[in-house]
Protein backbone atom coordinates (compact mmCIF):
# COMPACT_ATOMS: atom_id res chain seq x y z
CA MET A 1 0.65 9.33 -41.46
CA ALA A 2 -1.53 8.77 -38.44
CA ARG A 3 -0.19 5.26 -37.93
CA GLY A 4 3.28 6.43 -37.07
CA ARG A 5 2.40 9.48 -35.02
CA ARG A 6 3.02 7.98 -31.59
CA GLU A 7 6.34 6.45 -32.40
CA ALA A 8 7.60 9.85 -33.59
CA GLY A 9 6.35 11.57 -30.46
CA GLY A 10 7.82 9.52 -27.67
CA ASP A 11 6.91 9.85 -24.03
CA LEU A 12 9.14 11.83 -21.70
CA PRO A 13 9.59 9.45 -18.73
CA GLY A 14 7.47 10.45 -15.73
CA SER A 15 6.26 13.68 -17.33
CA HIS A 16 2.89 12.43 -18.59
CA ALA A 17 3.60 14.51 -21.73
CA TYR A 18 4.79 13.77 -25.24
CA GLN A 19 7.99 15.27 -26.53
CA HIS A 20 6.15 16.69 -29.56
CA ALA A 21 2.73 17.01 -27.94
CA ALA A 22 1.37 19.78 -30.20
CA ALA A 23 2.31 17.92 -33.40
CA ILE A 24 0.71 14.71 -32.15
CA ARG A 25 -2.45 16.55 -31.15
CA THR A 26 -2.63 18.15 -34.59
CA PHE A 27 -2.34 14.80 -36.31
CA ASP A 28 -4.93 13.27 -33.98
CA ALA A 29 -7.32 16.05 -34.81
CA TRP A 30 -6.51 16.03 -38.53
CA TRP A 31 -6.99 12.40 -39.44
CA PRO A 32 -10.80 12.18 -39.02
CA LYS A 33 -11.23 15.60 -40.63
CA LEU A 34 -9.02 14.65 -43.57
CA VAL A 35 -10.82 11.37 -44.24
CA ASP A 36 -14.18 13.09 -43.95
CA GLY A 37 -13.12 15.95 -46.22
CA ALA A 38 -11.63 13.63 -48.84
CA PHE A 39 -14.42 11.04 -49.07
CA ARG A 40 -17.74 12.39 -47.79
CA PRO A 41 -18.38 14.82 -50.73
CA GLY A 42 -17.88 12.05 -53.30
CA LEU A 43 -19.66 9.30 -51.43
CA GLY A 44 -22.53 11.36 -50.03
CA ASP A 45 -23.61 11.55 -46.41
CA ASP A 46 -25.61 8.28 -46.31
CA VAL A 47 -22.99 6.06 -47.98
CA TYR A 48 -20.14 7.62 -45.99
CA ALA A 49 -22.02 7.09 -42.71
CA ALA A 50 -22.76 3.48 -43.66
CA LEU A 51 -19.19 2.74 -44.60
CA THR A 52 -17.69 4.27 -41.46
CA ARG A 53 -20.10 2.23 -39.35
CA ALA A 54 -18.88 -0.92 -41.12
CA LEU A 55 -15.21 0.09 -40.86
CA GLN A 56 -14.21 2.94 -38.59
CA ILE A 57 -11.64 5.35 -39.95
CA ASP A 58 -9.30 5.02 -36.96
CA GLU A 59 -8.41 2.59 -34.23
CA SER A 60 -7.31 4.88 -31.47
CA PRO A 61 -5.47 3.61 -28.37
CA SER A 62 -8.52 4.49 -26.33
CA GLY A 63 -10.78 2.22 -28.34
CA ALA A 64 -12.31 4.86 -30.54
CA THR A 65 -15.46 4.05 -32.49
CA GLY A 66 -14.67 6.64 -35.12
CA PRO A 67 -15.31 10.38 -35.37
CA THR A 68 -17.85 11.93 -33.06
CA SER A 69 -20.25 14.59 -34.25
CA ALA A 70 -17.51 17.09 -33.59
CA GLY A 71 -15.02 15.06 -35.65
CA SER A 72 -12.84 14.06 -32.75
CA LEU A 73 -12.00 10.66 -31.30
CA ASN A 74 -14.61 8.92 -29.24
CA GLN A 75 -13.05 7.32 -26.16
CA SER A 76 -16.14 5.69 -24.73
CA GLN A 77 -14.88 2.17 -25.40
CA GLY A 78 -12.24 2.13 -22.68
CA HIS A 79 -8.46 2.31 -22.73
CA LYS A 80 -7.17 -0.89 -24.25
CA GLY A 81 -4.37 0.33 -26.50
CA SER A 82 -4.27 -0.14 -30.21
CA ALA A 83 -2.29 -1.94 -32.90
CA PHE A 84 -3.90 0.12 -35.72
CA GLN A 85 -4.96 -3.05 -37.42
CA TYR A 86 -7.89 -1.44 -39.19
CA GLY A 87 -8.88 1.96 -40.46
CA TRP A 88 -9.01 3.97 -43.68
CA TRP A 89 -5.21 4.31 -44.07
CA GLY A 90 -5.00 2.34 -47.32
CA TYR A 91 -8.05 3.99 -48.87
CA LEU A 92 -6.71 7.52 -48.36
CA ASP A 93 -3.19 6.52 -49.45
CA LYS A 94 -4.48 5.03 -52.72
CA ASP A 95 -6.80 7.95 -53.38
CA LEU A 96 -4.09 10.58 -52.88
CA ARG A 97 -1.69 8.72 -55.15
CA ALA A 98 -4.39 8.31 -57.79
CA VAL A 99 -5.19 12.04 -57.67
CA LEU A 100 -1.48 12.76 -58.23
CA GLY A 101 -1.53 10.49 -61.28
CA ASP A 102 0.69 7.77 -59.79
CA PRO A 103 0.04 4.13 -60.72
CA VAL A 104 -2.07 2.42 -58.02
CA ARG A 105 -2.50 -1.34 -57.86
CA SER A 106 -6.07 -2.43 -57.00
CA GLY A 107 -7.25 1.17 -56.92
CA LEU A 108 -10.62 2.47 -55.70
CA GLY A 109 -12.11 2.74 -59.20
CA ARG A 110 -12.33 6.54 -59.08
CA THR A 111 -10.76 9.48 -57.32
CA TYR A 112 -12.40 11.27 -54.39
CA CYS A 113 -10.20 13.91 -52.78
CA GLY A 114 -11.10 17.32 -54.18
CA GLY A 115 -13.26 15.76 -56.84
CA GLY A 116 -10.19 14.11 -58.33
CA SER A 117 -8.28 17.31 -59.15
CA VAL A 118 -4.87 18.08 -57.65
CA ALA A 119 -5.86 21.67 -56.87
CA GLY A 120 -9.11 20.63 -55.23
CA CYS A 121 -7.42 17.93 -53.20
CA ARG A 122 -4.71 20.32 -52.08
CA GLN A 123 -7.44 22.66 -50.83
CA VAL A 124 -9.05 19.81 -48.85
CA LEU A 125 -5.70 19.04 -47.19
CA VAL A 126 -5.02 22.69 -46.33
CA THR A 127 -8.56 23.37 -45.05
CA THR A 128 -8.76 20.26 -42.85
CA LEU A 129 -5.24 20.80 -41.52
CA ALA A 130 -6.09 24.40 -40.55
CA ALA A 131 -9.21 23.15 -38.82
CA ALA A 132 -7.16 20.56 -36.91
CA VAL A 133 -4.65 23.15 -35.77
CA ALA A 134 -7.44 25.36 -34.52
CA GLU A 135 -9.23 22.58 -32.67
CA PRO A 136 -8.96 22.79 -28.89
CA ALA A 137 -7.31 19.88 -27.10
CA GLY A 138 -10.52 19.37 -25.15
CA THR A 139 -12.30 18.56 -28.40
CA THR A 140 -9.59 16.27 -29.74
CA TYR A 141 -9.46 14.44 -26.40
CA PRO A 142 -13.03 14.86 -25.08
CA GLY A 143 -12.48 13.11 -21.80
CA ASP A 144 -14.34 10.27 -20.10
CA LYS A 145 -14.79 8.74 -16.66
CA ASP A 146 -11.04 8.13 -16.36
CA CYS A 147 -9.55 11.24 -18.01
CA SER A 148 -10.21 14.95 -18.07
CA ALA A 149 -10.95 16.63 -21.37
CA GLY A 150 -7.75 17.71 -23.10
CA ASP A 151 -5.50 15.32 -21.17
CA GLN A 152 -3.54 13.89 -24.10
CA TRP A 153 -1.44 11.44 -22.15
CA CYS A 154 -4.35 10.08 -20.19
CA ALA A 155 -6.42 9.70 -23.38
CA ASP A 156 -3.75 7.34 -24.72
CA THR A 157 -3.20 5.31 -21.59
CA ILE A 158 -3.97 1.65 -21.17
CA ILE A 159 -6.18 1.08 -18.12
CA GLN A 160 -6.26 -2.44 -16.66
CA SER A 161 -9.52 -4.03 -15.64
CA PRO A 162 -9.22 -4.81 -11.89
CA LEU A 163 -9.18 -8.46 -10.83
CA GLY A 164 -10.75 -8.67 -7.40
CA GLY A 165 -8.91 -6.19 -5.22
CA ILE A 166 -5.86 -5.92 -7.48
CA THR A 167 -5.55 -2.70 -9.46
CA HIS A 168 -2.85 -1.09 -11.53
CA ASP A 169 -1.91 2.45 -12.44
CA LYS A 170 -2.44 3.77 -15.95
CA ILE A 171 0.21 2.59 -18.42
CA SER A 172 1.76 4.86 -21.04
CA TRP A 173 0.78 3.61 -24.47
CA GLN A 174 3.54 2.99 -26.99
CA ASN A 175 2.56 1.45 -30.27
CA ARG A 176 5.90 -0.26 -30.91
CA PRO A 177 4.92 -3.31 -33.04
CA THR A 178 2.67 -1.61 -35.52
CA TYR A 179 5.08 0.15 -37.87
CA GLN A 180 7.91 -2.24 -38.70
CA GLN A 181 11.04 -1.06 -40.47
CA VAL A 182 14.05 -3.10 -41.52
CA VAL A 183 17.33 -1.28 -40.96
CA SER A 184 20.62 -2.72 -42.15
CA PHE A 185 23.85 -1.50 -40.61
CA PRO A 186 26.77 -2.31 -42.95
CA ALA A 187 29.35 -2.12 -40.17
CA GLY A 188 29.73 -1.59 -36.45
CA ARG A 189 30.40 1.67 -34.68
CA GLY A 190 33.94 2.92 -35.23
CA ALA A 191 34.53 0.65 -38.25
CA ASP A 192 36.52 1.94 -41.22
CA LEU A 193 34.02 2.89 -43.91
CA THR A 194 36.55 4.04 -46.47
CA ASN A 195 35.61 3.05 -50.00
CA LEU A 196 38.78 1.25 -51.11
CA ALA A 197 37.76 1.31 -54.76
CA LEU A 198 37.31 5.07 -55.00
CA ASN A 199 39.41 6.57 -57.80
CA ARG A 200 41.42 3.36 -58.17
CA SER A 201 42.64 1.87 -61.43
CA VAL A 202 39.81 0.03 -63.14
CA SER A 203 39.20 -1.94 -66.33
CA ALA A 204 36.40 -3.83 -68.02
CA ASN A 205 36.39 -6.59 -70.62
CA GLY A 206 33.52 -4.93 -72.44
CA THR A 207 32.54 -1.26 -72.46
CA PHE A 208 29.71 0.39 -74.32
CA ILE A 209 30.83 3.44 -76.23
CA GLY A 210 31.02 6.51 -73.98
CA TYR A 211 30.44 4.69 -70.65
CA THR A 212 33.95 3.90 -69.42
CA ALA A 213 34.87 1.75 -66.46
CA LYS A 214 36.47 4.75 -64.71
CA ALA A 215 33.01 6.23 -64.23
CA ALA A 216 32.16 3.36 -61.84
CA VAL A 217 34.83 4.37 -59.30
CA ASP A 218 34.77 8.17 -59.56
CA GLY A 219 32.37 8.75 -56.67
CA ASP A 220 29.96 10.62 -58.98
CA PRO A 221 26.41 9.21 -58.76
CA THR A 222 25.52 10.62 -62.17
CA THR A 223 28.21 8.83 -64.21
CA ARG A 224 28.28 5.10 -65.00
CA TRP A 225 29.98 2.21 -66.70
CA SER A 226 28.01 0.16 -69.17
CA SER A 227 29.04 -3.12 -70.79
CA TRP A 228 28.28 -4.62 -74.18
CA TRP A 229 24.90 -6.36 -74.45
CA THR A 230 26.10 -9.86 -73.64
CA ASP A 231 26.07 -11.91 -70.45
CA SER A 232 29.78 -12.60 -70.02
CA GLN A 233 31.06 -9.15 -69.01
CA SER A 234 33.17 -7.99 -66.05
CA ILE A 235 34.62 -4.94 -64.36
CA THR A 236 37.85 -5.14 -62.31
CA VAL A 237 39.27 -2.73 -59.70
CA ASP A 238 42.92 -2.64 -58.65
CA LEU A 239 42.98 -1.52 -55.00
CA GLY A 240 46.72 -0.69 -55.26
CA SER A 241 47.83 -3.12 -52.58
CA ALA A 242 46.53 -6.14 -50.72
CA ARG A 243 43.63 -5.19 -48.47
CA THR A 244 41.23 -7.12 -46.28
CA LEU A 245 37.84 -7.16 -47.98
CA ARG A 246 34.49 -8.01 -46.42
CA ARG A 247 31.98 -6.21 -48.53
CA VAL A 248 31.29 -4.90 -52.04
CA ILE A 249 28.50 -2.49 -52.92
CA LEU A 250 27.09 -2.40 -56.46
CA ARG A 251 24.97 0.61 -57.38
CA TRP A 252 23.12 -0.56 -60.47
CA GLU A 253 21.64 1.55 -63.18
CA THR A 254 18.47 0.20 -64.79
CA ALA A 255 20.52 -2.46 -66.60
CA TYR A 256 21.52 -4.81 -63.78
CA GLY A 257 22.91 -8.27 -63.20
CA SER A 258 20.37 -10.95 -62.19
CA ARG A 259 23.23 -13.42 -61.71
CA TYR A 260 26.82 -12.51 -61.04
CA ARG A 261 29.91 -13.30 -58.94
CA ILE A 262 32.18 -11.19 -56.85
CA GLU A 263 35.73 -12.51 -57.29
CA VAL A 264 39.02 -11.49 -55.68
CA SER A 265 42.69 -11.96 -56.58
CA ALA A 266 46.11 -11.28 -55.13
CA ASN A 267 47.86 -10.95 -58.51
CA GLY A 268 45.17 -10.11 -61.09
CA SER A 269 45.45 -13.44 -62.84
CA THR A 270 44.38 -16.13 -60.36
CA TRP A 271 40.87 -15.52 -59.09
CA GLN A 272 38.66 -16.99 -56.37
CA PRO A 273 34.95 -16.40 -55.76
CA ALA A 274 34.06 -14.37 -52.71
CA ALA A 275 30.31 -14.31 -53.25
CA VAL A 276 27.72 -15.59 -55.74
CA VAL A 277 24.44 -13.76 -56.37
CA ASP A 278 21.75 -15.76 -58.18
CA ALA A 279 18.68 -13.59 -57.65
CA GLY A 280 19.76 -9.97 -58.21
CA ASN A 281 16.98 -7.47 -58.77
CA GLY A 282 18.89 -4.23 -59.35
CA GLY A 283 19.01 -1.13 -57.24
CA LEU A 284 21.69 -1.26 -54.54
CA ASP A 285 23.35 -4.60 -53.76
CA ASN A 286 25.34 -4.80 -50.51
CA VAL A 287 27.25 -8.06 -50.96
CA THR A 288 29.03 -9.32 -47.84
CA PHE A 289 31.37 -12.28 -47.54
CA ALA A 290 34.01 -13.84 -45.29
CA PRO A 291 37.06 -11.63 -44.83
CA VAL A 292 39.69 -12.15 -47.52
CA SER A 293 42.98 -10.49 -48.38
CA ALA A 294 43.14 -9.32 -52.01
CA ARG A 295 44.47 -6.54 -54.21
CA TYR A 296 41.97 -7.01 -57.03
CA VAL A 297 38.18 -7.32 -56.92
CA ARG A 298 35.79 -7.75 -59.80
CA MET A 299 32.18 -8.24 -60.68
CA VAL A 300 31.70 -11.04 -63.21
CA GLY A 301 28.36 -11.03 -64.96
CA VAL A 302 26.66 -14.39 -65.45
CA ALA A 303 23.18 -13.31 -66.58
CA ARG A 304 21.71 -9.92 -67.35
CA GLY A 305 18.49 -8.73 -65.78
CA THR A 306 17.47 -6.79 -68.91
CA GLY A 307 18.03 -6.89 -72.63
CA TYR A 308 20.85 -4.41 -72.29
CA GLY A 309 24.28 -5.02 -70.74
CA TYR A 310 25.43 -4.44 -67.16
CA SER A 311 25.54 -0.87 -65.97
CA LEU A 312 26.93 0.43 -62.67
CA TRP A 313 26.86 3.91 -61.22
CA GLU A 314 29.47 2.75 -58.73
CA ILE A 315 31.33 -0.32 -57.56
CA GLU A 316 32.61 0.06 -53.99
CA ALA A 317 34.84 -2.11 -51.79
CA TYR A 318 35.08 -2.09 -48.00
CA SER A 319 37.13 -3.73 -45.29
CA SER A 320 34.25 -3.72 -42.81
């Protein structure tokens, strides 16, 4: 939550203001209040104070040492930026998920927020958020020798230490490398993203009763094809005419293929492999391969990932 707040805000060039300044200020004010409200009652004042001295709850861009007596960020450590490499992010995340009853690996041993009840935790979130909304900007950003109280942009700036007579202006802080995300683009801008397999003729060499092959090309994410419970099963789509193929998407149900081949054919009898997958783990498989002209495309199961057969919500084919 707090980790990604700057990336979402953005800085309007030259304005010394964030695009969503009020939202960012609210999150800045809320984080220390939320951690305090969730953990202090269960830990007690002395233990909570000792733990926050050992590991501060936030690593603000201004070098915060944790919450001040007013609960806001302390900017007395200078303006050196931040990578948010430490803080109580994981503790709160695990505690909230535990309170909701979700499985938590390496949990905290007990629940804290709201005494462990969903209703109590919800009240903590609402109360601390309301307090954050009501907090004046001058409290959230208390000011220091370089910045006036309430100056959000200045509070975040990186200020260089002068070397001899060389000085630099304040630098807008953007925490770009902290919150990584992998994004996969299946095709370039303007590419044809028509699903060539949609509503085409389809067959399977093994079909579990009631789960026909047609369900895997009907475009309905709630219907599926399922095979018999053996490894050597396949599903074949007739595209109607020869098309250039570069990609097949498999949308697996729980029963998936851990090993399988994507094969193509011009006539439906002579086949050639387009791609081989030896470490499938279910979910959505976006299988790409060198462009090939073919009328038929099929998934040939080699090994099942479960004790059941192979089961697909959809099999899709694309030219780009």
